[in-house]
Amino acid sequence: NSVKKPELHKRIVTAGQDKIAKSQNPQKGREVVIKKSKKGWILLRSGEPYYVRGVGGQIQLQYLATNGGNSIRTWRTGPKTKELMDKADKLGLTVCLGLWMDHERHGFDYNNTDAVQRQFNAFKKYVEEFKDHPALLMWGVGNEVETNYTNPKVWDAMNAICKMIKKVDGKHPTLTALAWPSNHVIKEILQRVPNVDIIGLNSYAGLKDSLREGQKHGWKGPTIVTEYGPNGFWEMPKTSWGSYLEMNSSDKAKLYGERTDLIKNDQNCLGGYAFLWGEKQERTRTWFSLIFNGKNISAGVDELIKSWTNKYPRNQAPNVTKLVVNDKLAEKNVELMPRQIYVAKVNVTDDNSEKLKYQWELRHETVAQSIGGDIEEIPPEVKGSIVKIGTNGTLKFKAPNQPGKYRLFVYVVDTQHKIGHANFPFIVR
């Protein structure tokens, strides 16, 4: 279902021509510069305007490249980076290559000059290794290092890294990704990090304001949206017992589309990287995930493709409209009795609805309180809870024996690995 679209043909041919040029001069990197035009800021890659239609993640790169995406973002660099860069280059994709600056909240001490120097030296090796790689687009120096920080020396360390990149490489811009471009953070960057070229914005429900915020506080350079997607869990309502209410895959998909268009219409923004091209447990395993089990592609991707190419893919993900338990929505703060049988129903529309597969899971609610994307464990499944999976999206299930907080998940998969999903938090008293 990844049909080559006529409007992409030119881009694919160009990527092929790029490869021929590169094979004749393999060690020549592609110079990337930032330029102010009458309309706003633009990136020039080998002299040609380059707008970032990107994702954060490293899987399904062929699918990305043939469906209008052109760039990926990584958060850190390591032993597998060379293989990833080579693969991206073969597909005509670029890479915003992450250098993960350690965080004070994880125990790193920016007063420790030896530790700071070791981090700097490690990054310098990576810059020397990849500065001439044809897939390199820019350097991502630090991700949300300002989260819960107290020591301003983190900015000095960042500036030293960016300055080194300009000296050692000099052909690719530097970027740092912020959780929010607050007045305090922008002032610190303007004073202490003159060698950073681009501000990256990790922004969800607040994206529209985030795009203006940095300029309001004096940032005159370009921005890139380094993470965006649905509303974050911290931006959503909770049940009366404190579980977050999560949108279904179709409602999230609309936000991916709207926010990609919002980025496109901002003259100072060089593009965006949608989050997350893969899957990750963050309060739930579905919250930011666009691709499941490495292959099942959600409706959010359909909307990205539509924004990138002006055309939906031929086969779209199942459209999930609502999930109820005993005819009640999750907003109603549903309480269940231990060991009782209940009925869940998910409403779905799809062109081939008779061929859909329904997968149900009942899990304990997460107890994680992590911030900033820190690692969380996937909560365990409640064994023996699924009584009968019916046709047309119905489920009979048994409420757990133990009182506590739980969440029911449903995944709806079509025959071409497109997926819709929803979940329902409830409590057993």
Protein backbone atom coordinates (compact mmCIF):
# COMPACT_ATOMS: atom_id res chain seq x y z
CA ASN A 1 0.00 0.00 0.00
CA SER A 2 2.98 2.35 -0.25
CA VAL A 3 2.13 3.35 -3.83
CA LYS A 4 4.61 5.71 -5.49
CA LYS A 5 2.80 8.95 -6.03
CA PRO A 6 3.34 10.97 -9.22
CA GLU A 7 4.28 14.10 -7.29
CA LEU A 8 7.03 12.15 -5.49
CA HIS A 9 8.60 10.79 -8.67
CA LYS A 10 10.76 13.86 -9.15
CA ARG A 11 12.02 13.67 -5.55
CA ILE A 12 12.89 9.98 -5.89
CA VAL A 13 14.77 10.58 -9.14
CA THR A 14 16.66 13.44 -7.51
CA ALA A 15 17.65 11.18 -4.61
CA GLY A 16 19.05 8.72 -7.19
CA GLN A 17 21.01 11.46 -8.96
CA ASP A 18 22.37 12.54 -5.56
CA LYS A 19 23.74 9.02 -5.10
CA ILE A 20 25.57 9.09 -8.45
CA ALA A 21 27.14 12.44 -7.58
CA LYS A 22 28.17 11.15 -4.17
CA SER A 23 29.70 7.92 -5.47
CA GLN A 24 32.00 10.02 -7.67
CA ASN A 25 33.12 11.98 -4.59
CA PRO A 26 32.19 9.76 -1.64
CA GLN A 27 33.76 11.74 1.20
CA LYS A 28 32.20 15.06 0.26
CA GLY A 29 29.48 15.99 2.73
CA ARG A 30 26.49 18.05 1.66
CA GLU A 31 26.88 21.61 2.91
CA VAL A 32 23.82 22.85 4.77
CA VAL A 33 23.39 26.55 5.43
CA ILE A 34 20.66 28.68 6.99
CA LYS A 35 19.57 31.69 5.00
CA LYS A 36 17.21 34.56 5.68
CA SER A 37 14.93 35.18 2.70
CA LYS A 38 12.23 37.81 2.20
CA LYS A 39 9.64 35.26 3.34
CA GLY A 40 11.58 34.02 6.39
CA TRP A 41 14.26 31.49 7.22
CA ILE A 42 15.17 28.61 4.88
CA LEU A 43 17.66 25.75 4.84
CA LEU A 44 19.86 25.34 1.79
CA ARG A 45 21.35 21.88 1.26
CA SER A 46 23.99 21.80 -1.49
CA GLY A 47 22.57 25.15 -2.55
CA GLU A 48 18.96 23.90 -2.91
CA PRO A 49 16.08 24.87 -0.58
CA TYR A 50 15.39 22.02 1.83
CA TYR A 51 12.25 21.80 3.98
CA VAL A 52 12.20 19.17 6.74
CA ARG A 53 9.36 16.63 6.48
CA GLY A 54 10.67 14.50 9.27
CA VAL A 55 10.02 11.96 12.02
CA GLY A 56 11.76 10.99 15.23
CA GLY A 57 12.72 7.33 14.89
CA GLN A 58 14.75 4.81 12.94
CA ILE A 59 12.41 2.08 11.63
CA GLN A 60 10.40 1.67 8.40
CA LEU A 61 12.70 4.11 6.60
CA GLN A 62 11.81 2.76 3.16
CA TYR A 63 8.13 3.46 3.91
CA LEU A 64 9.02 6.97 5.08
CA ALA A 65 11.09 7.74 1.99
CA THR A 66 8.48 6.49 -0.50
CA ASN A 67 5.64 8.35 1.23
CA GLY A 68 6.92 11.92 1.29
CA GLY A 69 9.16 12.03 4.38
CA ASN A 70 12.73 13.21 3.89
CA SER A 71 14.49 13.32 7.29
CA ILE A 72 14.85 11.50 10.62
CA ARG A 73 15.94 12.75 14.01
CA THR A 74 17.99 10.73 16.51
CA TRP A 75 18.48 11.65 20.16
CA ARG A 76 21.92 10.14 20.62
CA THR A 77 24.87 8.75 18.67
CA GLY A 78 26.43 5.32 19.20
CA PRO A 79 27.80 2.09 17.67
CA LYS A 80 24.90 1.67 15.22
CA THR A 81 24.89 5.26 13.95
CA LYS A 82 27.10 4.58 10.91
CA GLU A 83 24.79 1.81 9.69
CA LEU A 84 21.75 4.08 10.17
CA MET A 85 23.38 7.00 8.34
CA ASP A 86 24.35 4.78 5.41
CA LYS A 87 20.84 3.38 5.19
CA ALA A 88 19.30 6.86 5.31
CA ASP A 89 21.64 8.04 2.57
CA LYS A 90 20.74 5.10 0.29
CA LEU A 91 17.07 6.09 0.65
CA GLY A 92 17.69 9.80 0.03
CA LEU A 93 16.89 10.69 3.67
CA THR A 94 18.80 13.12 5.87
CA VAL A 95 19.57 12.85 9.60
CA CYS A 96 19.41 15.38 12.40
CA LEU A 97 22.10 13.64 14.43
CA GLY A 98 21.61 13.81 18.18
CA LEU A 99 24.42 14.34 20.68
CA TRP A 100 22.79 13.47 24.02
CA MET A 101 24.06 15.90 26.65
CA ASP A 102 23.61 14.27 30.05
CA HIS A 103 21.01 15.85 32.33
CA GLU A 104 21.52 17.29 35.79
CA ARG A 105 18.28 15.56 36.89
CA HIS A 106 19.88 12.20 36.01
CA GLY A 107 22.86 12.95 38.25
CA PHE A 108 25.28 14.68 35.85
CA ASP A 109 27.27 17.47 37.49
CA TYR A 110 28.20 20.37 35.21
CA ASN A 111 30.62 21.61 37.91
CA ASN A 112 32.65 18.43 37.34
CA THR A 113 35.12 19.65 34.71
CA ASP A 114 36.49 16.13 34.08
CA ALA A 115 33.00 14.75 33.34
CA VAL A 116 32.19 17.73 31.12
CA GLN A 117 35.48 17.26 29.23
CA ARG A 118 34.84 13.51 28.76
CA GLN A 119 31.41 14.29 27.27
CA PHE A 120 32.98 16.92 24.99
CA ASN A 121 35.72 14.52 23.82
CA ALA A 122 33.19 11.77 23.04
CA PHE A 123 31.15 14.22 20.94
CA LYS A 124 34.24 15.49 19.13
CA LYS A 125 34.99 11.93 17.96
CA TYR A 126 31.47 11.64 16.55
CA VAL A 127 31.73 15.02 14.81
CA GLU A 128 35.02 13.97 13.22
CA GLU A 129 33.47 10.66 12.14
CA PHE A 130 30.25 11.97 10.61
CA LYS A 131 30.95 15.56 9.50
CA ASP A 132 31.46 14.45 5.87
CA HIS A 133 28.63 11.93 5.78
CA PRO A 134 26.23 12.82 2.94
CA ALA A 135 23.14 12.04 5.06
CA LEU A 136 24.05 14.54 7.79
CA LEU A 137 21.67 17.50 7.90
CA MET A 138 22.46 19.11 11.27
CA TRP A 139 23.69 18.39 14.78
CA GLY A 140 21.16 18.11 17.64
CA VAL A 141 23.17 19.25 20.67
CA GLY A 142 21.18 18.34 23.78
CA ASN A 143 17.52 17.51 24.27
CA GLU A 144 15.55 19.34 26.99
CA VAL A 145 18.67 19.81 29.13
CA GLU A 146 16.83 22.63 30.90
CA THR A 147 14.29 20.26 32.49
CA ASN A 148 14.52 20.71 36.29
CA TYR A 149 18.06 22.09 35.99
CA THR A 150 19.74 24.51 38.41
CA ASN A 151 23.32 24.82 37.12
CA PRO A 152 23.75 27.39 34.29
CA LYS A 153 27.10 25.81 33.36
CA VAL A 154 25.12 23.37 31.19
CA TRP A 155 24.81 26.25 28.70
CA ASP A 156 28.57 26.86 28.73
CA ALA A 157 29.14 23.16 28.02
CA MET A 158 26.61 23.34 25.18
CA ASN A 159 28.29 26.37 23.67
CA ALA A 160 31.71 24.69 23.82
CA ILE A 161 30.27 21.69 21.89
CA CYS A 162 28.59 23.94 19.28
CA LYS A 163 31.79 25.98 18.89
CA MET A 164 33.80 22.78 18.39
CA ILE A 165 31.31 21.62 15.73
CA LYS A 166 31.75 24.89 13.83
CA LYS A 167 35.53 24.48 13.96
CA VAL A 168 35.74 20.74 13.16
CA ASP A 169 32.81 20.54 10.72
CA GLY A 170 31.66 24.03 9.71
CA LYS A 171 29.27 22.72 7.01
CA HIS A 172 26.24 21.77 9.14
CA PRO A 173 24.19 23.88 11.57
CA THR A 174 23.78 23.26 15.29
CA LEU A 175 20.44 22.90 17.06
CA THR A 176 19.30 22.38 20.63
CA ALA A 177 15.84 21.02 21.45
CA LEU A 178 13.85 22.68 24.23
CA ALA A 179 10.81 21.54 26.19
CA TRP A 180 9.59 25.17 26.13
CA PRO A 181 11.32 28.36 24.88
CA SER A 182 10.67 30.32 28.08
CA ASN A 183 11.95 33.83 28.70
CA HIS A 184 14.59 32.51 31.13
CA VAL A 185 15.87 29.77 28.80
CA ILE A 186 16.00 31.99 25.70
CA LYS A 187 17.88 34.70 27.65
CA GLU A 188 20.41 32.08 28.82
CA ILE A 189 20.89 30.79 25.28
CA LEU A 190 21.30 34.31 23.85
CA GLN A 191 23.90 35.14 26.49
CA ARG A 192 25.72 31.85 26.89
CA VAL A 193 25.24 29.82 23.67
CA PRO A 194 26.03 32.14 20.73
CA ASN A 195 27.18 29.14 18.67
CA VAL A 196 23.76 27.46 18.46
CA ASP A 197 22.06 28.20 15.13
CA ILE A 198 18.54 26.78 15.49
CA ILE A 199 16.13 26.39 18.39
CA GLY A 200 14.31 23.04 18.37
CA LEU A 201 10.82 22.96 19.87
CA ASN A 202 9.44 19.81 21.51
CA SER A 203 5.80 20.85 21.59
CA TYR A 204 2.38 19.20 21.56
CA ALA A 205 -0.87 20.97 22.53
CA GLY A 206 1.09 24.22 22.96
CA LEU A 207 2.66 24.14 19.49
CA LYS A 208 1.01 27.29 18.16
CA ASP A 209 2.21 29.36 21.14
CA SER A 210 5.59 27.64 21.18
CA LEU A 211 6.31 28.80 17.61
CA ARG A 212 5.88 32.44 18.75
CA GLU A 213 7.33 32.21 22.25
CA GLY A 214 11.05 32.25 21.40
CA GLN A 215 10.71 35.34 19.18
CA LYS A 216 8.73 37.06 21.92
CA HIS A 217 11.73 36.64 24.22
CA GLY A 218 14.33 37.82 21.70
CA TRP A 219 15.27 34.77 19.59
CA LYS A 220 15.80 36.07 16.06
CA GLY A 221 17.04 32.88 14.42
CA PRO A 222 15.11 29.97 12.85
CA THR A 223 13.26 27.19 14.65
CA ILE A 224 12.53 23.54 13.86
CA VAL A 225 9.82 21.56 15.63
CA THR A 226 11.91 18.67 16.95
CA GLU A 227 8.93 16.78 18.44
CA TYR A 228 5.20 17.14 17.86
CA GLY A 229 2.11 14.96 17.76
CA PRO A 230 -1.05 14.51 19.82
CA ASN A 231 -1.65 16.27 23.13
CA GLY A 232 0.78 15.00 25.77
CA PHE A 233 -0.65 13.14 28.75
CA TRP A 234 0.16 16.20 30.93
CA GLU A 235 -2.17 18.21 28.66
CA MET A 236 -5.17 15.86 28.98
CA PRO A 237 -7.93 15.52 31.60
CA LYS A 238 -7.82 12.76 34.20
CA THR A 239 -10.37 10.44 35.77
CA SER A 240 -11.46 11.16 39.35
CA TRP A 241 -8.76 8.71 40.57
CA GLY A 242 -5.98 10.32 38.52
CA SER A 243 -5.66 8.19 35.35
CA TYR A 244 -5.10 10.18 32.15
CA LEU A 245 -7.77 10.03 29.43
CA GLU A 246 -6.13 9.19 26.11
CA MET A 247 -7.50 10.07 22.67
CA ASN A 248 -8.14 7.23 20.22
CA SER A 249 -5.87 6.83 17.18
CA SER A 250 -8.26 8.67 14.83
CA ASP A 251 -8.59 11.76 17.02
CA LYS A 252 -4.82 11.87 17.44
CA ALA A 253 -4.35 11.50 13.69
CA LYS A 254 -6.30 14.72 13.06
CA LEU A 255 -3.87 16.54 15.35
CA TYR A 256 -0.82 15.15 13.52
CA GLY A 257 -2.29 16.54 10.28
CA GLU A 258 -3.31 19.92 11.70
CA ARG A 259 0.01 20.43 13.45
CA THR A 260 2.07 19.45 10.40
CA ASP A 261 0.15 22.13 8.47
CA LEU A 262 0.67 24.65 11.27
CA ILE A 263 4.44 24.10 11.07
CA LYS A 264 4.34 24.45 7.27
CA ASN A 265 2.68 27.86 7.56
CA ASP A 266 5.28 29.34 9.93
CA GLN A 267 7.83 31.42 8.03
CA ASN A 268 10.59 31.11 10.62
CA CYS A 269 10.23 27.34 10.98
CA LEU A 270 12.41 25.04 8.86
CA GLY A 271 10.09 22.02 9.23
CA GLY A 272 9.30 19.38 11.82
CA TYR A 273 9.96 15.90 13.18
CA ALA A 274 6.77 14.05 14.20
CA PHE A 275 6.99 11.95 17.37
CA LEU A 276 7.24 8.94 17.48
CA TRP A 277 8.08 6.86 14.39
CA GLY A 278 7.98 3.63 16.38
CA GLU A 279 6.52 2.76 19.78
CA LYS A 280 7.33 3.68 23.35
CA GLN A 281 5.72 3.33 26.76
CA GLU A 282 4.95 6.83 28.07
CA ARG A 283 2.04 6.43 30.52
CA THR A 284 0.70 3.98 27.90
CA ARG A 285 2.42 2.18 25.03
CA THR A 286 0.04 3.87 22.56
CA TRP A 287 0.28 7.51 23.61
CA PHE A 288 2.89 8.76 21.11
CA SER A 289 3.42 5.58 19.08
CA LEU A 290 2.87 5.75 15.31
CA ILE A 291 4.12 2.24 14.39
CA PHE A 292 3.46 -0.93 16.40
CA ASN A 293 5.51 -4.14 16.47
CA GLY A 294 7.77 -2.60 13.85
CA LYS A 295 5.16 -2.94 11.09
CA ASN A 296 1.58 -1.90 12.01
CA ILE A 297 1.10 1.69 10.87
CA SER A 298 -1.44 3.98 12.53
CA ALA A 299 -3.78 6.68 11.26
CA GLY A 300 -1.37 9.43 12.37
CA VAL A 301 0.99 8.33 9.59
CA ASP A 302 -1.83 8.64 7.02
CA GLU A 303 -2.27 12.27 8.07
CA LEU A 304 1.47 12.98 7.90
CA ILE A 305 1.53 11.56 4.37
CA LYS A 306 -1.46 13.72 3.42
CA SER A 307 0.31 16.85 4.72
CA TRP A 308 3.60 15.95 3.01
CA THR A 309 2.21 14.89 -0.39
CA ASN A 310 -1.33 16.41 -0.57
CA LYS A 311 -2.67 12.89 -1.00
CA TYR A 312 -3.76 10.10 1.35
CA PRO A 313 -2.23 6.63 0.91
CA ARG A 314 -4.48 4.24 -1.01
CA ASN A 315 -5.21 2.13 2.08
CA GLN A 316 -5.86 4.03 5.30
CA ALA A 317 -5.86 2.82 8.89
CA PRO A 318 -9.14 1.67 10.47
CA ASN A 319 -11.04 4.69 11.78
CA VAL A 320 -11.78 4.19 15.50
CA THR A 321 -14.63 6.42 16.64
CA LYS A 322 -15.31 5.36 20.25
CA LEU A 323 -14.74 2.73 22.93
CA VAL A 324 -17.31 2.09 25.67
CA VAL A 325 -17.60 -0.28 28.64
CA ASN A 326 -21.22 -1.16 29.51
CA ASP A 327 -22.24 1.69 27.16
CA LYS A 328 -20.27 4.27 29.15
CA LEU A 329 -17.35 6.43 27.95
CA ALA A 330 -14.15 6.63 30.02
CA GLU A 331 -14.95 10.27 30.89
CA LYS A 332 -17.75 8.92 33.12
CA ASN A 333 -15.21 7.61 35.69
CA VAL A 334 -16.28 3.97 35.38
CA GLU A 335 -16.04 1.82 38.51
CA LEU A 336 -16.32 -1.98 38.17
CA MET A 337 -16.98 -4.73 40.69
CA PRO A 338 -14.36 -7.47 41.19
CA ARG A 339 -14.83 -10.69 39.17
CA GLN A 340 -18.00 -9.42 37.42
CA ILE A 341 -18.48 -9.83 33.64
CA TYR A 342 -18.67 -6.64 31.55
CA VAL A 343 -19.06 -5.84 27.84
CA ALA A 344 -16.76 -3.47 25.92
CA LYS A 345 -17.48 -2.25 22.40
CA VAL A 346 -15.28 -0.33 19.96
CA ASN A 347 -16.83 1.47 16.99
CA VAL A 348 -14.75 1.31 13.81
CA THR A 349 -15.27 2.24 10.18
CA ASP A 350 -13.08 0.77 7.45
CA ASP A 351 -13.37 -0.04 3.74
CA ASN A 352 -12.80 -3.74 4.47
CA SER A 353 -14.37 -3.98 7.92
CA GLU A 354 -15.15 -7.69 7.58
CA LYS A 355 -11.41 -8.44 7.42
CA LEU A 356 -10.39 -6.53 10.55
CA LYS A 357 -8.67 -8.29 13.46
CA TYR A 358 -9.43 -7.16 17.00
CA GLN A 359 -6.81 -7.60 19.72
CA TRP A 360 -7.76 -6.82 23.33
CA GLU A 361 -5.50 -6.46 26.39
CA LEU A 362 -6.30 -5.66 30.00
CA ARG A 363 -3.36 -4.21 31.92
CA HIS A 364 -2.64 -2.72 35.30
CA GLU A 365 -2.50 1.08 35.15
CA THR A 366 1.04 2.45 35.18
CA VAL A 367 2.43 3.82 38.44
CA ALA A 368 5.20 5.70 36.59
CA GLN A 369 5.53 9.41 37.30
CA SER A 370 8.50 9.97 34.99
CA ILE A 371 9.05 13.21 33.08
CA GLY A 372 10.88 14.20 29.91
CA GLY A 373 10.43 10.84 28.20
CA ASP A 374 12.40 8.89 30.82
CA ILE A 375 12.14 5.10 30.49
CA GLU A 376 8.98 3.43 31.84
CA GLU A 377 8.11 -0.25 32.18
CA ILE A 378 5.04 -1.54 30.33
CA PRO A 379 2.59 -2.56 33.10
CA PRO A 380 1.75 -6.28 33.31
CA GLU A 381 -1.29 -7.84 31.67
CA VAL A 382 -4.10 -9.20 33.85
CA LYS A 383 -4.20 -12.90 32.98
CA GLY A 384 -7.52 -14.66 32.41
CA SER A 385 -9.54 -11.48 32.06
CA ILE A 386 -10.61 -11.93 28.40
CA VAL A 387 -13.80 -14.06 28.38
CA LYS A 388 -14.96 -13.83 24.75
CA ILE A 389 -13.94 -11.73 21.75
CA GLY A 390 -17.11 -11.18 19.73
CA THR A 391 -17.60 -10.02 16.16
CA ASN A 392 -17.90 -6.34 15.19
CA GLY A 393 -15.67 -5.05 17.97
CA THR A 394 -17.32 -6.48 21.10
CA LEU A 395 -15.58 -8.05 24.08
CA LYS A 396 -16.79 -9.84 27.20
CA PHE A 397 -14.25 -9.50 29.98
CA LYS A 398 -14.02 -10.25 33.69
CA ALA A 399 -13.07 -7.41 36.04
CA PRO A 400 -9.90 -8.23 38.01
CA ASN A 401 -10.15 -9.81 41.47
CA GLN A 402 -8.00 -7.17 43.12
CA PRO A 403 -9.21 -3.59 43.71
CA GLY A 404 -7.07 -1.07 41.84
CA LYS A 405 -6.57 0.96 38.65
CA TYR A 406 -6.61 -0.77 35.25
CA ARG A 407 -6.73 0.04 31.53
CA LEU A 408 -8.38 -1.91 28.70
CA PHE A 409 -6.70 -1.63 25.28
CA VAL A 410 -8.05 -2.54 21.85
CA TYR A 411 -6.04 -2.75 18.61
CA VAL A 412 -7.83 -3.03 15.26
CA VAL A 413 -5.60 -4.27 12.44
CA ASP A 414 -6.42 -4.60 8.73
CA THR A 415 -4.90 -7.02 6.21
CA GLN A 416 -2.25 -4.48 5.11
CA HIS A 417 -0.71 -3.74 8.52
CA LYS A 418 -2.68 -0.58 9.21
CA ILE A 419 -3.83 -0.18 12.82
CA GLY A 420 -6.36 1.75 14.86
CA HIS A 421 -6.43 1.75 18.67
CA ALA A 422 -8.18 3.04 21.79
CA ASN A 423 -8.03 2.44 25.53
CA PHE A 424 -10.27 2.79 28.57
CA PRO A 425 -9.09 3.46 32.14
CA PHE A 426 -11.30 2.09 34.93
CA ILE A 427 -11.11 1.32 38.62
CA VAL A 428 -12.10 -1.79 40.57
CA ARG A 429 -13.40 -0.95 44.04
